[in-house]
Amino acid sequence: MRGMGNMQGMMKQMQKMQKKMQKAQEELGEKEIEGTAGGGMVTVVVTGHKQVVDVKINPEAVDPDDVEMLQDLVLAAINDALKKADDLTNDTMGQFTKGMNLPGMF
């Protein structure tokens, strides 16, 4: 039966792709993405796996009378970094779904 050989070939392709996807996932974890806020007053570094690995706060951003502003800057920098990490993940992992016509996948 010809259909079986075809199926095996497809399974091999899928396994190959899975290995590539795993490798890409691992590499994403090693990448560092920087998010900033307040014109660089606060910088946050996250990995491609969205782990915060570094936070830098410019001493000028520290105003004891306005702690809320500093909190907002830290939040904004984290969200900036996470959004960039998401974009990177989508770009990296998107290459695996491109050109594949899998039902239920966009």
N, C-alpha and C. Protein backbone atom coordinates (compact mmCIF):
# COMPACT_ATOMS: atom_id res chain seq x y z
N MET A 1 0.83 -1.19 0.00
CA MET A 1 0.00 0.00 0.00
C MET A 1 0.87 1.24 0.00
N ARG A 2 0.61 2.09 -0.96
CA ARG A 2 1.40 3.31 -1.11
C ARG A 2 1.16 4.30 0.02
N GLY A 3 -0.05 4.38 0.53
CA GLY A 3 -0.42 5.35 1.55
C GLY A 3 0.44 5.24 2.80
N MET A 4 0.87 4.02 3.15
CA MET A 4 1.64 3.83 4.38
C MET A 4 3.01 4.50 4.30
N GLY A 5 3.67 4.36 3.17
CA GLY A 5 4.99 4.98 3.00
C GLY A 5 4.90 6.49 3.13
N ASN A 6 3.84 7.02 2.55
CA ASN A 6 3.57 8.44 2.62
C ASN A 6 3.41 8.90 4.06
N MET A 7 2.68 8.10 4.81
CA MET A 7 2.41 8.41 6.21
C MET A 7 3.72 8.41 7.01
N GLN A 8 4.55 7.40 6.75
CA GLN A 8 5.84 7.32 7.45
C GLN A 8 6.70 8.54 7.14
N GLY A 9 6.71 8.93 5.89
CA GLY A 9 7.48 10.10 5.48
C GLY A 9 7.00 11.34 6.21
N MET A 10 5.69 11.44 6.33
CA MET A 10 5.11 12.60 7.01
C MET A 10 5.48 12.58 8.49
N MET A 11 5.46 11.40 9.10
CA MET A 11 5.81 11.28 10.52
C MET A 11 7.27 11.70 10.73
N LYS A 12 8.14 11.28 9.82
CA LYS A 12 9.56 11.65 9.92
C LYS A 12 9.71 13.17 9.83
N GLN A 13 8.99 13.77 8.89
CA GLN A 13 9.03 15.23 8.74
C GLN A 13 8.58 15.91 10.03
N MET A 14 7.50 15.39 10.63
CA MET A 14 6.97 15.98 11.85
C MET A 14 7.98 15.86 12.99
N GLN A 15 8.64 14.71 13.08
CA GLN A 15 9.64 14.51 14.14
C GLN A 15 10.81 15.48 13.96
N LYS A 16 11.23 15.65 12.71
CA LYS A 16 12.31 16.58 12.40
C LYS A 16 11.92 17.99 12.84
N MET A 17 10.69 18.35 12.49
CA MET A 17 10.22 19.68 12.81
C MET A 17 10.11 19.87 14.32
N GLN A 18 9.68 18.83 15.01
CA GLN A 18 9.57 18.91 16.47
C GLN A 18 10.93 19.17 17.10
N LYS A 19 11.96 18.48 16.59
CA LYS A 19 13.32 18.69 17.10
C LYS A 19 13.75 20.14 16.87
N LYS A 20 13.47 20.65 15.68
CA LYS A 20 13.84 22.04 15.37
C LYS A 20 13.09 23.00 16.28
N MET A 21 11.82 22.71 16.54
CA MET A 21 11.01 23.57 17.40
C MET A 21 11.56 23.57 18.83
N GLN A 22 11.95 22.39 19.31
CA GLN A 22 12.52 22.29 20.66
C GLN A 22 13.80 23.10 20.76
N LYS A 23 14.64 22.99 19.73
CA LYS A 23 15.89 23.74 19.72
C LYS A 23 15.61 25.24 19.72
N ALA A 24 14.65 25.66 18.92
CA ALA A 24 14.29 27.08 18.86
C ALA A 24 13.78 27.56 20.22
N GLN A 25 12.99 26.71 20.88
CA GLN A 25 12.48 27.05 22.22
C GLN A 25 13.63 27.25 23.19
N GLU A 26 14.60 26.32 23.16
CA GLU A 26 15.75 26.41 24.05
C GLU A 26 16.54 27.69 23.78
N GLU A 27 16.73 27.99 22.49
CA GLU A 27 17.48 29.20 22.13
C GLU A 27 16.76 30.45 22.60
N LEU A 28 15.43 30.42 22.55
CA LEU A 28 14.65 31.56 23.03
C LEU A 28 14.94 31.81 24.51
N GLY A 29 15.09 30.73 25.27
CA GLY A 29 15.37 30.85 26.70
C GLY A 29 16.70 31.50 26.99
N GLU A 30 17.62 31.41 26.02
CA GLU A 30 18.95 31.98 26.21
C GLU A 30 19.03 33.44 25.74
N LYS A 31 18.04 33.85 24.95
CA LYS A 31 18.05 35.23 24.45
C LYS A 31 17.64 36.19 25.56
N GLU A 32 18.24 37.38 25.54
CA GLU A 32 17.88 38.41 26.51
C GLU A 32 17.28 39.60 25.78
N ILE A 33 16.13 40.04 26.26
CA ILE A 33 15.41 41.12 25.63
C ILE A 33 15.28 42.25 26.64
N GLU A 34 15.53 43.47 26.17
CA GLU A 34 15.52 44.62 27.06
C GLU A 34 14.25 45.44 26.86
N GLY A 35 13.64 45.82 27.97
CA GLY A 35 12.51 46.74 27.93
C GLY A 35 12.87 47.97 28.72
N THR A 36 12.42 49.13 28.25
CA THR A 36 12.76 50.36 28.96
C THR A 36 11.52 51.23 29.17
N ALA A 37 11.64 52.16 30.08
CA ALA A 37 10.57 53.13 30.33
C ALA A 37 11.21 54.43 30.81
N GLY A 38 10.48 55.51 30.62
CA GLY A 38 10.97 56.81 31.10
C GLY A 38 12.25 57.22 30.42
N GLY A 39 12.36 56.93 29.13
CA GLY A 39 13.56 57.33 28.39
C GLY A 39 14.81 56.66 28.93
N GLY A 40 14.68 55.41 29.38
CA GLY A 40 15.84 54.67 29.87
C GLY A 40 16.05 54.82 31.37
N MET A 41 15.14 55.48 32.06
CA MET A 41 15.24 55.61 33.52
C MET A 41 15.17 54.24 34.18
N VAL A 42 14.33 53.38 33.61
CA VAL A 42 14.21 52.01 34.13
C VAL A 42 14.41 51.05 32.97
N THR A 43 15.27 50.07 33.17
CA THR A 43 15.53 49.04 32.16
C THR A 43 15.31 47.68 32.79
N VAL A 44 14.58 46.83 32.08
CA VAL A 44 14.31 45.49 32.56
C VAL A 44 14.77 44.52 31.47
N VAL A 45 15.46 43.46 31.88
CA VAL A 45 15.92 42.45 30.93
C VAL A 45 15.19 41.14 31.24
N VAL A 46 14.58 40.55 30.20
CA VAL A 46 13.91 39.26 30.36
C VAL A 46 14.50 38.28 29.35
N THR A 47 14.31 36.99 29.63
CA THR A 47 14.71 35.98 28.66
C THR A 47 13.55 35.75 27.70
N GLY A 48 13.82 35.00 26.65
CA GLY A 48 12.77 34.63 25.71
C GLY A 48 11.69 33.80 26.37
N HIS A 49 11.98 33.24 27.54
CA HIS A 49 10.99 32.47 28.29
C HIS A 49 10.29 33.33 29.33
N LYS A 50 10.46 34.64 29.19
CA LYS A 50 9.78 35.63 30.04
C LYS A 50 10.19 35.58 31.50
N GLN A 51 11.45 35.31 31.74
CA GLN A 51 11.97 35.40 33.11
C GLN A 51 12.72 36.71 33.23
N VAL A 52 12.39 37.48 34.25
CA VAL A 52 13.10 38.74 34.46
C VAL A 52 14.47 38.39 35.04
N VAL A 53 15.53 38.84 34.36
CA VAL A 53 16.88 38.51 34.83
C VAL A 53 17.65 39.74 35.32
N ASP A 54 17.13 40.93 35.01
CA ASP A 54 17.84 42.12 35.45
C ASP A 54 16.90 43.33 35.48
N VAL A 55 17.07 44.16 36.48
CA VAL A 55 16.33 45.42 36.59
C VAL A 55 17.34 46.51 36.93
N LYS A 56 17.37 47.55 36.10
CA LYS A 56 18.27 48.68 36.38
C LYS A 56 17.42 49.92 36.56
N ILE A 57 17.68 50.65 37.63
CA ILE A 57 16.94 51.88 37.89
C ILE A 57 17.94 53.03 38.03
N ASN A 58 17.77 54.02 37.19
CA ASN A 58 18.61 55.20 37.25
C ASN A 58 18.30 55.93 38.56
N PRO A 59 19.35 56.26 39.34
CA PRO A 59 19.12 56.94 40.63
C PRO A 59 18.24 58.19 40.51
N GLU A 60 18.29 58.85 39.34
CA GLU A 60 17.47 60.05 39.14
C GLU A 60 15.98 59.71 39.16
N ALA A 61 15.64 58.45 38.90
CA ALA A 61 14.23 58.05 38.86
C ALA A 61 13.68 57.83 40.27
N VAL A 62 14.59 57.81 41.24
CA VAL A 62 14.17 57.54 42.62
C VAL A 62 13.85 58.84 43.33
N ASP A 63 12.54 59.08 43.50
CA ASP A 63 12.08 60.26 44.21
C ASP A 63 11.24 59.78 45.39
N PRO A 64 11.77 59.92 46.61
CA PRO A 64 11.04 59.42 47.79
C PRO A 64 9.63 60.00 47.89
N ASP A 65 9.41 61.17 47.31
CA ASP A 65 8.08 61.78 47.37
C ASP A 65 7.15 61.27 46.27
N ASP A 66 7.72 60.52 45.32
CA ASP A 66 6.89 60.03 44.21
C ASP A 66 7.23 58.58 43.88
N VAL A 67 7.03 57.71 44.85
CA VAL A 67 7.32 56.29 44.67
C VAL A 67 6.43 55.70 43.57
N GLU A 68 5.20 56.21 43.47
CA GLU A 68 4.25 55.70 42.47
C GLU A 68 4.79 55.83 41.06
N MET A 69 5.44 56.94 40.77
CA MET A 69 5.99 57.14 39.43
C MET A 69 7.03 56.06 39.12
N LEU A 70 7.88 55.77 40.10
CA LEU A 70 8.90 54.75 39.93
C LEU A 70 8.25 53.37 39.70
N GLN A 71 7.21 53.09 40.46
CA GLN A 71 6.50 51.81 40.29
C GLN A 71 5.91 51.72 38.88
N ASP A 72 5.34 52.82 38.41
CA ASP A 72 4.77 52.85 37.05
C ASP A 72 5.85 52.62 36.00
N LEU A 73 7.02 53.23 36.21
CA LEU A 73 8.12 53.06 35.25
C LEU A 73 8.59 51.61 35.22
N VAL A 74 8.70 50.99 36.41
CA VAL A 74 9.14 49.59 36.48
C VAL A 74 8.12 48.71 35.76
N LEU A 75 6.84 48.93 36.04
CA LEU A 75 5.78 48.17 35.37
C LEU A 75 5.85 48.33 33.85
N ALA A 76 5.99 49.58 33.42
CA ALA A 76 6.04 49.86 31.99
C ALA A 76 7.24 49.18 31.33
N ALA A 77 8.38 49.20 32.01
CA ALA A 77 9.59 48.57 31.45
C ALA A 77 9.41 47.05 31.37
N ILE A 78 8.80 46.46 32.39
CA ILE A 78 8.56 45.01 32.38
C ILE A 78 7.62 44.65 31.24
N ASN A 79 6.53 45.40 31.11
CA ASN A 79 5.56 45.12 30.05
C ASN A 79 6.18 45.30 28.67
N ASP A 80 7.05 46.29 28.53
CA ASP A 80 7.75 46.53 27.26
C ASP A 80 8.62 45.31 26.92
N ALA A 81 9.37 44.84 27.92
CA ALA A 81 10.26 43.68 27.71
C ALA A 81 9.44 42.43 27.38
N LEU A 82 8.33 42.22 28.10
CA LEU A 82 7.51 41.02 27.86
C LEU A 82 6.87 41.06 26.48
N LYS A 83 6.45 42.24 26.04
CA LYS A 83 5.86 42.35 24.71
C LYS A 83 6.90 42.02 23.65
N LYS A 84 8.12 42.53 23.84
CA LYS A 84 9.20 42.23 22.89
C LYS A 84 9.52 40.73 22.90
N ALA A 85 9.47 40.12 24.08
CA ALA A 85 9.71 38.68 24.19
C ALA A 85 8.63 37.91 23.45
N ASP A 86 7.37 38.35 23.58
CA ASP A 86 6.26 37.73 22.85
C ASP A 86 6.47 37.84 21.35
N ASP A 87 6.85 39.04 20.90
CA ASP A 87 7.07 39.25 19.47
C ASP A 87 8.17 38.33 18.96
N LEU A 88 9.24 38.23 19.73
CA LEU A 88 10.36 37.37 19.34
C LEU A 88 9.90 35.90 19.27
N THR A 89 9.13 35.48 20.26
CA THR A 89 8.62 34.10 20.28
C THR A 89 7.73 33.85 19.06
N ASN A 90 6.84 34.79 18.78
CA ASN A 90 5.95 34.63 17.63
C ASN A 90 6.73 34.57 16.33
N ASP A 91 7.74 35.43 16.19
CA ASP A 91 8.57 35.42 14.98
C ASP A 91 9.33 34.11 14.87
N THR A 92 9.92 33.66 15.98
CA THR A 92 10.74 32.45 15.97
C THR A 92 9.89 31.21 15.73
N MET A 93 8.80 31.08 16.48
CA MET A 93 7.99 29.87 16.37
C MET A 93 7.06 29.92 15.15
N GLY A 94 6.76 31.12 14.69
CA GLY A 94 5.87 31.28 13.54
C GLY A 94 6.43 30.65 12.28
N GLN A 95 7.74 30.58 12.18
CA GLN A 95 8.35 29.99 10.98
C GLN A 95 8.00 28.51 10.83
N PHE A 96 7.62 27.87 11.93
CA PHE A 96 7.30 26.45 11.87
C PHE A 96 5.88 26.20 11.37
N THR A 97 5.00 27.17 11.56
CA THR A 97 3.62 26.98 11.14
C THR A 97 3.36 27.58 9.76
N LYS A 98 4.29 28.42 9.30
CA LYS A 98 4.16 29.02 7.96
C LYS A 98 4.15 27.92 6.91
N GLY A 99 3.26 28.05 5.97
CA GLY A 99 3.26 27.12 4.86
C GLY A 99 2.68 25.76 5.19
N MET A 100 2.29 25.57 6.43
CA MET A 100 1.67 24.30 6.80
C MET A 100 0.17 24.50 6.82
N ASN A 101 -0.53 23.62 6.19
CA ASN A 101 -1.96 23.77 6.16
C ASN A 101 -2.58 22.78 7.15
N LEU A 102 -2.44 23.11 8.43
CA LEU A 102 -2.99 22.22 9.45
C LEU A 102 -4.37 22.74 9.85
N PRO A 103 -5.36 21.88 9.82
CA PRO A 103 -6.69 22.32 10.22
C PRO A 103 -6.68 22.78 11.67
N GLY A 104 -7.35 23.88 11.94
CA GLY A 104 -7.45 24.38 13.30
C GLY A 104 -6.27 25.24 13.72
N MET A 105 -5.28 25.39 12.85
CA MET A 105 -4.14 26.25 13.19
C MET A 105 -4.15 27.45 12.25
N PHE A 106 -3.79 28.59 12.79
CA PHE A 106 -3.79 29.80 11.97
C PHE A 106 -2.39 30.15 11.54
